[in-house]
Amino acid sequence: MAKIYVTDIYTPEQIAFYAAKFHAGVDGQDTTDVAYFVQKGEGGPIKIGYTNCIKARMRSLKTAHGKECILLATRRGGMDREGAYHFQFAADFIGKEWFEPSPAILAEIERLSDES
């Protein structure tokens, strides 16, 4: 089977156009990598994840989960920052990227809120 490369299909101008559009984010939204804390309903578990487009991520979380998802805090950094938080709060791990809303996690969220 022959390999097909993007340069076989698109001109350099088209590639540049779509690359710029991709890097600009969805509908021109900010594409800064952030780690985030999202709570599933008031008092519910907290998801610690990362994204490069928090608005689009919040839309997908609200679609995926029946309860209201509340964005509690963000911090610059991507997968490495998320991984550090997962390690830091391992004792509160429930499953996948969800954690109990422990005093330690809530204190970090409050600290991040005070910084912004």
PDB file of N, CA and C in Angstrom:
ATOM      1  N   MET A   1       0.845  -1.180   0.000  1.00  0.00           N
ATOM      2  CA  MET A   1       0.000   0.000   0.000  1.00  0.00           C
ATOM      3  C   MET A   1       0.891   1.244   0.000  1.00  0.00           C
ATOM      4  N   ALA A   2       0.628   2.150  -0.890  1.00  0.00           N
ATOM      5  CA  ALA A   2       1.417   3.374  -1.004  1.00  0.00           C
ATOM      6  C   ALA A   2       1.020   4.367   0.081  1.00  0.00           C
ATOM      7  N   LYS A   3       2.004   5.065   0.592  1.00  0.00           N
ATOM      8  CA  LYS A   3       1.738   6.107   1.583  1.00  0.00           C
ATOM      9  C   LYS A   3       1.292   7.371   0.865  1.00  0.00           C
ATOM     10  N   ILE A   4       0.358   8.062   1.480  1.00  0.00           N
ATOM     11  CA  ILE A   4      -0.104   9.343   0.954  1.00  0.00           C
ATOM     12  C   ILE A   4       0.271  10.406   1.979  1.00  0.00           C
ATOM     13  N   TYR A   5       0.936  11.424   1.536  1.00  0.00           N
ATOM     14  CA  TYR A   5       1.367  12.512   2.403  1.00  0.00           C
ATOM     15  C   TYR A   5       0.475  13.732   2.196  1.00  0.00           C
ATOM     16  N   VAL A   6       0.381  14.544   3.220  1.00  0.00           N
ATOM     17  CA  VAL A   6      -0.444  15.743   3.127  1.00  0.00           C
ATOM     18  C   VAL A   6       0.019  16.635   1.978  1.00  0.00           C
ATOM     19  N   THR A   7       1.324  16.620   1.710  1.00  0.00           N
ATOM     20  CA  THR A   7       1.852  17.442   0.613  1.00  0.00           C
ATOM     21  C   THR A   7       1.451  16.905  -0.756  1.00  0.00           C
ATOM     22  N   ASP A   8       0.988  15.644  -0.822  1.00  0.00           N
ATOM     23  CA  ASP A   8       0.486  15.091  -2.076  1.00  0.00           C
ATOM     24  C   ASP A   8      -0.910  15.599  -2.391  1.00  0.00           C
ATOM     25  N   ILE A   9      -1.626  16.061  -1.373  1.00  0.00           N
ATOM     26  CA  ILE A   9      -3.026  16.445  -1.525  1.00  0.00           C
ATOM     27  C   ILE A   9      -3.208  17.956  -1.528  1.00  0.00           C
ATOM     28  N   TYR A  10      -2.456  18.651  -0.666  1.00  0.00           N
ATOM     29  CA  TYR A  10      -2.639  20.089  -0.483  1.00  0.00           C
ATOM     30  C   TYR A  10      -1.423  20.865  -0.965  1.00  0.00           C
ATOM     31  N   THR A  11      -1.679  22.093  -1.397  1.00  0.00           N
ATOM     32  CA  THR A  11      -0.585  22.989  -1.773  1.00  0.00           C
ATOM     33  C   THR A  11       0.058  23.537  -0.500  1.00  0.00           C
ATOM     34  N   PRO A  12       1.282  24.050  -0.589  1.00  0.00           N
ATOM     35  CA  PRO A  12       1.912  24.664   0.595  1.00  0.00           C
ATOM     36  C   PRO A  12       1.072  25.802   1.193  1.00  0.00           C
ATOM     37  N   GLU A  13       0.366  26.542   0.332  1.00  0.00           N
ATOM     38  CA  GLU A  13      -0.479  27.629   0.825  1.00  0.00           C
ATOM     39  C   GLU A  13      -1.648  27.088   1.638  1.00  0.00           C
ATOM     40  N   GLN A  14      -2.266  25.989   1.165  1.00  0.00           N
ATOM     41  CA  GLN A  14      -3.369  25.379   1.906  1.00  0.00           C
ATOM     42  C   GLN A  14      -2.887  24.823   3.255  1.00  0.00           C
ATOM     43  N   ILE A  15      -1.735  24.197   3.248  1.00  0.00           N
ATOM     44  CA  ILE A  15      -1.174  23.654   4.497  1.00  0.00           C
ATOM     45  C   ILE A  15      -0.933  24.783   5.485  1.00  0.00           C
ATOM     46  N   ALA A  16      -0.358  25.883   5.028  1.00  0.00           N
ATOM     47  CA  ALA A  16      -0.091  27.028   5.906  1.00  0.00           C
ATOM     48  C   ALA A  16      -1.393  27.605   6.444  1.00  0.00           C
ATOM     49  N   PHE A  17      -2.409  27.697   5.596  1.00  0.00           N
ATOM     50  CA  PHE A  17      -3.700  28.228   6.019  1.00  0.00           C
ATOM     51  C   PHE A  17      -4.300  27.373   7.137  1.00  0.00           C
ATOM     52  N   TYR A  18      -4.355  26.048   6.936  1.00  0.00           N
ATOM     53  CA  TYR A  18      -4.964  25.172   7.933  1.00  0.00           C
ATOM     54  C   TYR A  18      -4.114  25.065   9.198  1.00  0.00           C
ATOM     55  N   ALA A  19      -2.801  25.130   9.059  1.00  0.00           N
ATOM     56  CA  ALA A  19      -1.935  25.112  10.240  1.00  0.00           C
ATOM     57  C   ALA A  19      -2.172  26.357  11.083  1.00  0.00           C
ATOM     58  N   ALA A  20      -2.286  27.514  10.439  1.00  0.00           N
ATOM     59  CA  ALA A  20      -2.545  28.756  11.179  1.00  0.00           C
ATOM     60  C   ALA A  20      -3.905  28.697  11.853  1.00  0.00           C
ATOM     61  N   LYS A  21      -4.892  28.145  11.155  1.00  0.00           N
ATOM     62  CA  LYS A  21      -6.229  28.025  11.732  1.00  0.00           C
ATOM     63  C   LYS A  21      -6.216  27.086  12.937  1.00  0.00           C
ATOM     64  N   PHE A  22      -5.492  25.973  12.830  1.00  0.00           N
ATOM     65  CA  PHE A  22      -5.386  25.022  13.940  1.00  0.00           C
ATOM     66  C   PHE A  22      -4.731  25.685  15.148  1.00  0.00           C
ATOM     67  N   HIS A  23      -3.644  26.395  14.927  1.00  0.00           N
ATOM     68  CA  HIS A  23      -2.927  27.021  16.040  1.00  0.00           C
ATOM     69  C   HIS A  23      -3.693  28.190  16.634  1.00  0.00           C
ATOM     70  N   ALA A  24      -4.625  28.748  15.893  1.00  0.00           N
ATOM     71  CA  ALA A  24      -5.454  29.836  16.430  1.00  0.00           C
ATOM     72  C   ALA A  24      -6.544  29.296  17.337  1.00  0.00           C
ATOM     73  N   GLY A  25      -6.795  27.991  17.291  1.00  0.00           N
ATOM     74  CA  GLY A  25      -7.806  27.391  18.151  1.00  0.00           C
ATOM     75  C   GLY A  25      -9.171  27.349  17.493  1.00  0.00           C
ATOM     76  N   VAL A  26     -10.104  26.796  18.200  1.00  0.00           N
ATOM     77  CA  VAL A  26     -11.463  26.678  17.719  1.00  0.00           C
ATOM     78  C   VAL A  26     -12.121  28.047  17.767  1.00  0.00           C
ATOM     79  N   ASP A  27     -12.573  28.526  16.634  1.00  0.00           N
ATOM     80  CA  ASP A  27     -13.227  29.835  16.552  1.00  0.00           C
ATOM     81  C   ASP A  27     -12.370  30.950  17.152  1.00  0.00           C
ATOM     82  N   GLY A  28     -11.048  30.863  16.981  1.00  0.00           N
ATOM     83  CA  GLY A  28     -10.159  31.904  17.474  1.00  0.00           C
ATOM     84  C   GLY A  28      -9.976  31.910  18.983  1.00  0.00           C
ATOM     85  N   GLN A  29     -10.353  30.815  19.662  1.00  0.00           N
ATOM     86  CA  GLN A  29     -10.218  30.765  21.118  1.00  0.00           C
ATOM     87  C   GLN A  29      -8.747  30.623  21.516  1.00  0.00           C
ATOM     88  N   ASP A  30      -8.466  30.984  22.738  1.00  0.00           N
ATOM     89  CA  ASP A  30      -7.118  30.859  23.283  1.00  0.00           C
ATOM     90  C   ASP A  30      -6.709  29.392  23.282  1.00  0.00           C
ATOM     91  N   THR A  31      -5.480  29.105  22.874  1.00  0.00           N
ATOM     92  CA  THR A  31      -4.994  27.734  22.829  1.00  0.00           C
ATOM     93  C   THR A  31      -3.784  27.530  23.745  1.00  0.00           C
ATOM     94  N   THR A  32      -3.754  28.215  24.863  1.00  0.00           N
ATOM     95  CA  THR A  32      -2.696  28.038  25.836  1.00  0.00           C
ATOM     96  C   THR A  32      -2.919  26.732  26.584  1.00  0.00           C
ATOM     97  N   ASP A  33      -1.866  25.924  26.713  1.00  0.00           N
ATOM     98  CA  ASP A  33      -1.969  24.687  27.485  1.00  0.00           C
ATOM     99  C   ASP A  33      -2.196  25.022  28.955  1.00  0.00           C
ATOM    100  N   VAL A  34      -3.243  24.428  29.521  1.00  0.00           N
ATOM    101  CA  VAL A  34      -3.530  24.622  30.945  1.00  0.00           C
ATOM    102  C   VAL A  34      -3.925  23.298  31.581  1.00  0.00           C
ATOM    103  N   ALA A  35      -3.563  23.166  32.848  1.00  0.00           N
ATOM    104  CA  ALA A  35      -4.134  22.115  33.686  1.00  0.00           C
ATOM    105  C   ALA A  35      -5.375  22.736  34.305  1.00  0.00           C
ATOM    106  N   TYR A  36      -6.410  21.912  34.496  1.00  0.00           N
ATOM    107  CA  TYR A  36      -7.651  22.475  35.019  1.00  0.00           C
ATOM    108  C   TYR A  36      -8.235  21.582  36.102  1.00  0.00           C
ATOM    109  N   PHE A  37      -9.057  22.196  36.935  1.00  0.00           N
ATOM    110  CA  PHE A  37      -9.821  21.511  37.972  1.00  0.00           C
ATOM    111  C   PHE A  37     -11.292  21.771  37.673  1.00  0.00           C
ATOM    112  N   VAL A  38     -12.052  20.705  37.421  1.00  0.00           N
ATOM    113  CA  VAL A  38     -13.476  20.812  37.124  1.00  0.00           C
ATOM    114  C   VAL A  38     -14.222  19.925  38.103  1.00  0.00           C
ATOM    115  N   GLN A  39     -15.265  20.468  38.704  1.00  0.00           N
ATOM    116  CA  GLN A  39     -16.061  19.690  39.659  1.00  0.00           C
ATOM    117  C   GLN A  39     -17.378  19.277  39.030  1.00  0.00           C
ATOM    118  N   LYS A  40     -17.737  18.009  39.238  1.00  0.00           N
ATOM    119  CA  LYS A  40     -18.994  17.477  38.711  1.00  0.00           C
ATOM    120  C   LYS A  40     -20.078  17.747  39.737  1.00  0.00           C
ATOM    121  N   GLY A  41     -20.824  18.824  39.527  1.00  0.00           N
ATOM    122  CA  GLY A  41     -21.865  19.202  40.478  1.00  0.00           C
ATOM    123  C   GLY A  41     -21.267  19.756  41.757  1.00  0.00           C
ATOM    124  N   GLU A  42     -22.062  20.432  42.520  1.00  0.00           N
ATOM    125  CA  GLU A  42     -21.594  21.019  43.775  1.00  0.00           C
ATOM    126  C   GLU A  42     -21.257  19.910  44.767  1.00  0.00           C
ATOM    127  N   GLY A  43     -20.026  19.906  45.252  1.00  0.00           N
ATOM    128  CA  GLY A  43     -19.576  18.905  46.213  1.00  0.00           C
ATOM    129  C   GLY A  43     -19.176  17.581  45.606  1.00  0.00           C
ATOM    130  N   GLY A  44     -19.258  17.456  44.270  1.00  0.00           N
ATOM    131  CA  GLY A  44     -18.946  16.203  43.592  1.00  0.00           C
ATOM    132  C   GLY A  44     -17.455  16.021  43.368  1.00  0.00           C
ATOM    133  N   PRO A  45     -17.086  14.942  42.692  1.00  0.00           N
ATOM    134  CA  PRO A  45     -15.671  14.681  42.416  1.00  0.00           C
ATOM    135  C   PRO A  45     -15.071  15.754  41.516  1.00  0.00           C
ATOM    136  N   ILE A  46     -13.754  15.857  41.568  1.00  0.00           N
ATOM    137  CA  ILE A  46     -13.026  16.878  40.820  1.00  0.00           C
ATOM    138  C   ILE A  46     -12.152  16.199  39.778  1.00  0.00           C
ATOM    139  N   LYS A  47     -12.267  16.655  38.555  1.00  0.00           N
ATOM    140  CA  LYS A  47     -11.437  16.158  37.457  1.00  0.00           C
ATOM    141  C   LYS A  47     -10.228  17.068  37.328  1.00  0.00           C
ATOM    142  N   ILE A  48      -9.058  16.464  37.283  1.00  0.00           N
ATOM    143  CA  ILE A  48      -7.824  17.206  37.023  1.00  0.00           C
ATOM    144  C   ILE A  48      -7.346  16.758  35.649  1.00  0.00           C
ATOM    145  N   GLY A  49      -7.372  17.676  34.703  1.00  0.00           N
ATOM    146  CA  GLY A  49      -6.980  17.351  33.342  1.00  0.00           C
ATOM    147  C   GLY A  49      -6.159  18.469  32.741  1.00  0.00           C
ATOM    148  N   TYR A  50      -5.916  18.356  31.442  1.00  0.00           N
ATOM    149  CA  TYR A  50      -5.231  19.441  30.742  1.00  0.00           C
ATOM    150  C   TYR A  50      -5.847  19.582  29.360  1.00  0.00           C
ATOM    151  N   THR A  51      -5.696  20.764  28.813  1.00  0.00           N
ATOM    152  CA  THR A  51      -6.227  21.059  27.484  1.00  0.00           C
ATOM    153  C   THR A  51      -5.479  22.247  26.904  1.00  0.00           C
ATOM    154  N   ASN A  52      -5.630  22.440  25.614  1.00  0.00           N
ATOM    155  CA  ASN A  52      -5.091  23.664  25.009  1.00  0.00           C
ATOM    156  C   ASN A  52      -6.222  24.600  24.607  1.00  0.00           C
ATOM    157  N   CYS A  53      -7.455  24.237  24.954  1.00  0.00           N
ATOM    158  CA  CYS A  53      -8.600  25.097  24.641  1.00  0.00           C
ATOM    159  C   CYS A  53      -9.678  24.851  25.701  1.00  0.00           C
ATOM    160  N   ILE A  54      -9.626  25.601  26.773  1.00  0.00           N
ATOM    161  CA  ILE A  54     -10.493  25.347  27.929  1.00  0.00           C
ATOM    162  C   ILE A  54     -11.976  25.517  27.585  1.00  0.00           C
ATOM    163  N   LYS A  55     -12.319  26.459  26.716  1.00  0.00           N
ATOM    164  CA  LYS A  55     -13.739  26.650  26.371  1.00  0.00           C
ATOM    165  C   LYS A  55     -14.294  25.418  25.663  1.00  0.00           C
ATOM    166  N   ALA A  56     -13.548  24.890  24.701  1.00  0.00           N
ATOM    167  CA  ALA A  56     -13.998  23.694  23.990  1.00  0.00           C
ATOM    168  C   ALA A  56     -14.039  22.493  24.929  1.00  0.00           C
ATOM    169  N   ARG A  57     -13.067  22.395  25.839  1.00  0.00           N
ATOM    170  CA  ARG A  57     -13.040  21.275  26.784  1.00  0.00           C
ATOM    171  C   ARG A  57     -14.244  21.328  27.714  1.00  0.00           C
ATOM    172  N   MET A  58     -14.597  22.508  28.178  1.00  0.00           N
ATOM    173  CA  MET A  58     -15.754  22.633  29.059  1.00  0.00           C
ATOM    174  C   MET A  58     -17.034  22.227  28.332  1.00  0.00           C
ATOM    175  N   ARG A  59     -17.156  22.609  27.070  1.00  0.00           N
ATOM    176  CA  ARG A  59     -18.329  22.193  26.294  1.00  0.00           C
ATOM    177  C   ARG A  59     -18.405  20.668  26.206  1.00  0.00           C
ATOM    178  N   SER A  60     -17.277  20.021  25.946  1.00  0.00           N
ATOM    179  CA  SER A  60     -17.298  18.560  25.807  1.00  0.00           C
ATOM    180  C   SER A  60     -17.562  17.880  27.146  1.00  0.00           C
ATOM    181  N   LEU A  61     -17.048  18.430  28.234  1.00  0.00           N
ATOM    182  CA  LEU A  61     -17.316  17.849  29.558  1.00  0.00           C
ATOM    183  C   LEU A  61     -18.792  17.977  29.916  1.00  0.00           C
ATOM    184  N   LYS A  62     -19.378  19.119  29.619  1.00  0.00           N
ATOM    185  CA  LYS A  62     -20.795  19.315  29.928  1.00  0.00           C
ATOM    186  C   LYS A  62     -21.676  18.400  29.076  1.00  0.00           C
ATOM    187  N   THR A  63     -21.238  18.096  27.869  1.00  0.00           N
ATOM    188  CA  THR A  63     -21.979  17.167  27.025  1.00  0.00           C
ATOM    189  C   THR A  63     -21.843  15.736  27.545  1.00  0.00           C
ATOM    190  N   ALA A  64     -20.650  15.375  28.004  1.00  0.00           N
ATOM    191  CA  ALA A  64     -20.365  14.001  28.430  1.00  0.00           C
ATOM    192  C   ALA A  64     -20.961  13.647  29.791  1.00  0.00           C
ATOM    193  N   HIS A  65     -21.129  14.632  30.658  1.00  0.00           N
ATOM    194  CA  HIS A  65     -21.575  14.368  32.030  1.00  0.00           C
ATOM    195  C   HIS A  65     -22.917  15.043  32.273  1.00  0.00           C
ATOM    196  N   GLY A  66     -23.858  14.280  32.799  1.00  0.00           N
ATOM    197  CA  GLY A  66     -25.206  14.799  33.015  1.00  0.00           C
ATOM    198  C   GLY A  66     -25.255  15.958  33.993  1.00  0.00           C
ATOM    199  N   LYS A  67     -24.428  15.901  35.027  1.00  0.00           N
ATOM    200  CA  LYS A  67     -24.438  16.978  36.015  1.00  0.00           C
ATOM    201  C   LYS A  67     -23.669  18.186  35.485  1.00  0.00           C
ATOM    202  N   GLU A  68     -23.946  19.299  36.079  1.00  0.00           N
ATOM    203  CA  GLU A  68     -23.240  20.531  35.733  1.00  0.00           C
ATOM    204  C   GLU A  68     -21.759  20.394  36.081  1.00  0.00           C
ATOM    205  N   CYS A  69     -20.889  20.705  35.147  1.00  0.00           N
ATOM    206  CA  CYS A  69     -19.452  20.723  35.401  1.00  0.00           C
ATOM    207  C   CYS A  69     -19.039  22.167  35.661  1.00  0.00           C
ATOM    208  N   ILE A  70     -18.350  22.368  36.756  1.00  0.00           N
ATOM    209  CA  ILE A  70     -17.976  23.714  37.185  1.00  0.00           C
ATOM    210  C   ILE A  70     -16.463  23.856  37.094  1.00  0.00           C
ATOM    211  N   LEU A  71     -15.989  24.833  36.317  1.00  0.00           N
ATOM    212  CA  LEU A  71     -14.559  25.104  36.229  1.00  0.00           C
ATOM    213  C   LEU A  71     -14.137  25.831  37.499  1.00  0.00           C
ATOM    214  N   LEU A  72     -13.250  25.203  38.278  1.00  0.00           N
ATOM    215  CA  LEU A  72     -12.824  25.777  39.555  1.00  0.00           C
ATOM    216  C   LEU A  72     -11.539  26.574  39.440  1.00  0.00           C
ATOM    217  N   ALA A  73     -10.588  26.078  38.631  1.00  0.00           N
ATOM    218  CA  ALA A  73      -9.305  26.771  38.512  1.00  0.00           C
ATOM    219  C   ALA A  73      -8.534  26.229  37.317  1.00  0.00           C
ATOM    220  N   THR A  74      -7.607  27.045  36.814  1.00  0.00           N
ATOM    221  CA  THR A  74      -6.676  26.619  35.775  1.00  0.00           C
ATOM    222  C   THR A  74      -5.276  27.083  36.158  1.00  0.00           C
ATOM    223  N   ARG A  75      -4.294  26.408  35.577  1.00  0.00           N
ATOM    224  CA  ARG A  75      -2.898  26.809  35.774  1.00  0.00           C
ATOM    225  C   ARG A  75      -2.153  26.506  34.491  1.00  0.00           C
ATOM    226  N   ARG A  76      -1.314  27.445  34.059  1.00  0.00           N
ATOM    227  CA  ARG A  76      -0.530  27.236  32.840  1.00  0.00           C
ATOM    228  C   ARG A  76       0.256  25.944  32.941  1.00  0.00           C
ATOM    229  N   GLY A  77       0.310  25.238  31.845  1.00  0.00           N
ATOM    230  CA  GLY A  77       1.045  23.976  31.776  1.00  0.00           C
ATOM    231  C   GLY A  77       0.152  22.912  31.183  1.00  0.00           C
ATOM    232  N   GLY A  78       0.747  21.958  30.556  1.00  0.00           N
ATOM    233  CA  GLY A  78      -0.029  20.924  29.898  1.00  0.00           C
ATOM    234  C   GLY A  78       0.031  19.603  30.622  1.00  0.00           C
ATOM    235  N   MET A  79       0.408  18.571  29.880  1.00  0.00           N
ATOM    236  CA  MET A  79       0.408  17.217  30.389  1.00  0.00           C
ATOM    237  C   MET A  79       1.340  17.055  31.596  1.00  0.00           C
ATOM    238  N   ASP A  80       2.479  17.730  31.581  1.00  0.00           N
ATOM    239  CA  ASP A  80       3.417  17.624  32.703  1.00  0.00           C
ATOM    240  C   ASP A  80       2.805  18.179  33.987  1.00  0.00           C
ATOM    241  N   ARG A  81       2.134  19.315  33.888  1.00  0.00           N
ATOM    242  CA  ARG A  81       1.489  19.924  35.062  1.00  0.00           C
ATOM    243  C   ARG A  81       0.367  19.019  35.564  1.00  0.00           C
ATOM    244  N   GLU A  82      -0.443  18.493  34.641  1.00  0.00           N
ATOM    245  CA  GLU A  82      -1.510  17.575  35.021  1.00  0.00           C
ATOM    246  C   GLU A  82      -0.935  16.357  35.738  1.00  0.00           C
ATOM    247  N   GLY A  83       0.131  15.780  35.188  1.00  0.00           N
ATOM    248  CA  GLY A  83       0.764  14.613  35.799  1.00  0.00           C
ATOM    249  C   GLY A  83       1.293  14.903  37.194  1.00  0.00           C
ATOM    250  N   ALA A  84       1.861  16.088  37.376  1.00  0.00           N
ATOM    251  CA  ALA A  84       2.356  16.476  38.701  1.00  0.00           C
ATOM    252  C   ALA A  84       1.208  16.566  39.703  1.00  0.00           C
ATOM    253  N   TYR A  85       0.072  17.113  39.268  1.00  0.00           N
ATOM    254  CA  TYR A  85      -1.098  17.175  40.149  1.00  0.00           C
ATOM    255  C   TYR A  85      -1.624  15.770  40.460  1.00  0.00           C
ATOM    256  N   HIS A  86      -1.667  14.905  39.464  1.00  0.00           N
ATOM    257  CA  HIS A  86      -2.134  13.538  39.707  1.00  0.00           C
ATOM    258  C   HIS A  86      -1.243  12.852  40.743  1.00  0.00           C
ATOM    259  N   PHE A  87       0.063  13.057  40.641  1.00  0.00           N
ATOM    260  CA  PHE A  87       0.996  12.478  41.611  1.00  0.00           C
ATOM    261  C   PHE A  87       0.789  13.105  42.990  1.00  0.00           C
ATOM    262  N   GLN A  88       0.678  14.430  43.025  1.00  0.00           N
ATOM    263  CA  GLN A  88       0.526  15.156  44.292  1.00  0.00           C
ATOM    264  C   GLN A  88      -0.736  14.727  45.044  1.00  0.00           C
ATOM    265  N   PHE A  89      -1.811  14.474  44.318  1.00  0.00           N
ATOM    266  CA  PHE A  89      -3.093  14.153  44.943  1.00  0.00           C
ATOM    267  C   PHE A  89      -3.479  12.679  44.780  1.00  0.00           C
ATOM    268  N   ALA A  90      -2.501  11.815  44.626  1.00  0.00           N
ATOM    269  CA  ALA A  90      -2.750  10.384  44.389  1.00  0.00           C
ATOM    270  C   ALA A  90      -3.606   9.751  45.485  1.00  0.00           C
ATOM    271  N   ALA A  91      -3.480  10.219  46.712  1.00  0.00           N
ATOM    272  CA  ALA A  91      -4.260   9.648  47.823  1.00  0.00           C
ATOM    273  C   ALA A  91      -5.757   9.899  47.652  1.00  0.00           C
ATOM    274  N   ASP A  92      -6.121  10.891  46.847  1.00  0.00           N
ATOM    275  CA  ASP A  92      -7.532  11.254  46.654  1.00  0.00           C
ATOM    276  C   ASP A  92      -8.100  10.718  45.343  1.00  0.00           C
ATOM    277  N   PHE A  93      -7.316   9.903  44.644  1.00  0.00           N
ATOM    278  CA  PHE A  93      -7.697   9.380  43.330  1.00  0.00           C
ATOM    279  C   PHE A  93      -8.903   8.456  43.434  1.00  0.00           C
ATOM    280  N   ILE A  94      -9.894   8.672  42.545  1.00  0.00           N
ATOM    281  CA  ILE A  94     -11.089   7.826  42.476  1.00  0.00           C
ATOM    282  C   ILE A  94     -10.976   6.887  41.277  1.00  0.00           C
ATOM    283  N   GLY A  95     -10.637   7.450  40.134  1.00  0.00           N
ATOM    284  CA  GLY A  95     -10.525   6.679  38.904  1.00  0.00           C
ATOM    285  C   GLY A  95     -10.426   7.611  37.724  1.00  0.00           C
ATOM    286  N   LYS A  96      -9.741   7.123  36.658  1.00  0.00           N
ATOM    287  CA  LYS A  96      -9.463   7.927  35.472  1.00  0.00           C
ATOM    288  C   LYS A  96      -8.806   9.232  35.920  1.00  0.00           C
ATOM    289  N   GLU A  97      -9.408  10.385  35.693  1.00  0.00           N
ATOM    290  CA  GLU A  97      -8.814  11.664  36.107  1.00  0.00           C
ATOM    291  C   GLU A  97      -9.623  12.331  37.216  1.00  0.00           C
ATOM    292  N   TRP A  98     -10.422  11.546  37.940  1.00  0.00           N
ATOM    293  CA  TRP A  98     -11.320  12.086  38.962  1.00  0.00           C
ATOM    294  C   TRP A  98     -10.760  11.847  40.359  1.00  0.00           C
ATOM    295  N   PHE A  99     -10.962  12.859  41.222  1.00  0.00           N
ATOM    296  CA  PHE A  99     -10.428  12.850  42.576  1.00  0.00           C
ATOM    297  C   PHE A  99     -11.510  13.286  43.564  1.00  0.00           C
ATOM    298  N   GLU A 100     -11.397  12.788  44.791  1.00  0.00           N
ATOM    299  CA  GLU A 100     -12.263  13.278  45.866  1.00  0.00           C
ATOM    300  C   GLU A 100     -11.934  14.747  46.111  1.00  0.00           C
ATOM    301  N   PRO A 101     -12.921  15.568  46.450  1.00  0.00           N
ATOM    302  CA  PRO A 101     -12.642  16.985  46.751  1.00  0.00           C
ATOM    303  C   PRO A 101     -12.043  17.133  48.155  1.00  0.00           C
ATOM    304  N   SER A 102     -10.819  16.684  48.293  1.00  0.00           N
ATOM    305  CA  SER A 102     -10.141  16.671  49.599  1.00  0.00           C
ATOM    306  C   SER A 102      -9.712  18.077  50.011  1.00  0.00           C
ATOM    307  N   PRO A 103      -9.415  18.261  51.292  1.00  0.00           N
ATOM    308  CA  PRO A 103      -8.912  19.566  51.737  1.00  0.00           C
ATOM    309  C   PRO A 103      -7.656  20.004  50.978  1.00  0.00           C
ATOM    310  N   ALA A 104      -6.776  19.059  50.628  1.00  0.00           N
ATOM    311  CA  ALA A 104      -5.541  19.417  49.914  1.00  0.00           C
ATOM    312  C   ALA A 104      -5.851  19.944  48.507  1.00  0.00           C
ATOM    313  N   ILE A 105      -6.752  19.279  47.802  1.00  0.00           N
ATOM    314  CA  ILE A 105      -7.116  19.737  46.449  1.00  0.00           C
ATOM    315  C   ILE A 105      -7.839  21.074  46.523  1.00  0.00           C
ATOM    316  N   LEU A 106      -8.757  21.198  47.461  1.00  0.00           N
ATOM    317  CA  LEU A 106      -9.496  22.464  47.592  1.00  0.00           C
ATOM    318  C   LEU A 106      -8.567  23.610  47.971  1.00  0.00           C
ATOM    319  N   ALA A 107      -7.533  23.325  48.768  1.00  0.00           N
ATOM    320  CA  ALA A 107      -6.550  24.360  49.125  1.00  0.00           C
ATOM    321  C   ALA A 107      -5.763  24.802  47.893  1.00  0.00           C
ATOM    322  N   GLU A 108      -5.388  23.864  47.028  1.00  0.00           N
ATOM    323  CA  GLU A 108      -4.669  24.231  45.794  1.00  0.00           C
ATOM    324  C   GLU A 108      -5.562  25.060  44.881  1.00  0.00           C
ATOM    325  N   ILE A 109      -6.819  24.686  44.774  1.00  0.00           N
ATOM    326  CA  ILE A 109      -7.762  25.456  43.952  1.00  0.00           C
ATOM    327  C   ILE A 109      -7.901  26.871  44.499  1.00  0.00           C
ATOM    328  N   GLU A 110      -8.010  26.995  45.804  1.00  0.00           N
ATOM    329  CA  GLU A 110      -8.114  28.323  46.419  1.00  0.00           C
ATOM    330  C   GLU A 110      -6.842  29.132  46.173  1.00  0.00           C
ATOM    331  N   ARG A 111      -5.674  28.490  46.289  1.00  0.00           N
ATOM    332  CA  ARG A 111      -4.399  29.177  46.038  1.00  0.00           C
ATOM    333  C   ARG A 111      -4.342  29.688  44.597  1.00  0.00           C
ATOM    334  N   LEU A 112      -4.761  28.859  43.662  1.00  0.00           N
ATOM    335  CA  LEU A 112      -4.752  29.264  42.251  1.00  0.00           C
ATOM    336  C   LEU A 112      -5.754  30.390  42.006  1.00  0.00           C
ATOM    337  N   SER A 113      -6.882  30.355  42.664  1.00  0.00           N
ATOM    338  CA  SER A 113      -7.894  31.411  42.514  1.00  0.00           C
ATOM    339  C   SER A 113      -7.377  32.732  43.051  1.00  0.00           C
ATOM    340  N   ASP A 114      -6.607  32.673  44.146  1.00  0.00           N
ATOM    341  CA  ASP A 114      -6.038  33.890  44.726  1.00  0.00           C
ATOM    342  C   ASP A 114      -4.990  34.506  43.821  1.00  0.00           C
ATOM    343  N   GLU A 115      -4.280  33.668  43.017  1.00  0.00           N
ATOM    344  CA  GLU A 115      -3.248  34.160  42.104  1.00  0.00           C
ATOM    345  C   GLU A 115      -3.829  34.905  40.913  1.00  0.00           C
ATOM    346  N   SER A 116      -5.045  34.551  40.529  1.00  0.00           N
ATOM    347  CA  SER A 116      -5.600  35.161  39.302  1.00  0.00           C
ATOM    348  C   SER A 116      -6.394  36.397  39.570  1.00  0.00           C
TER     349      SER A 116
END
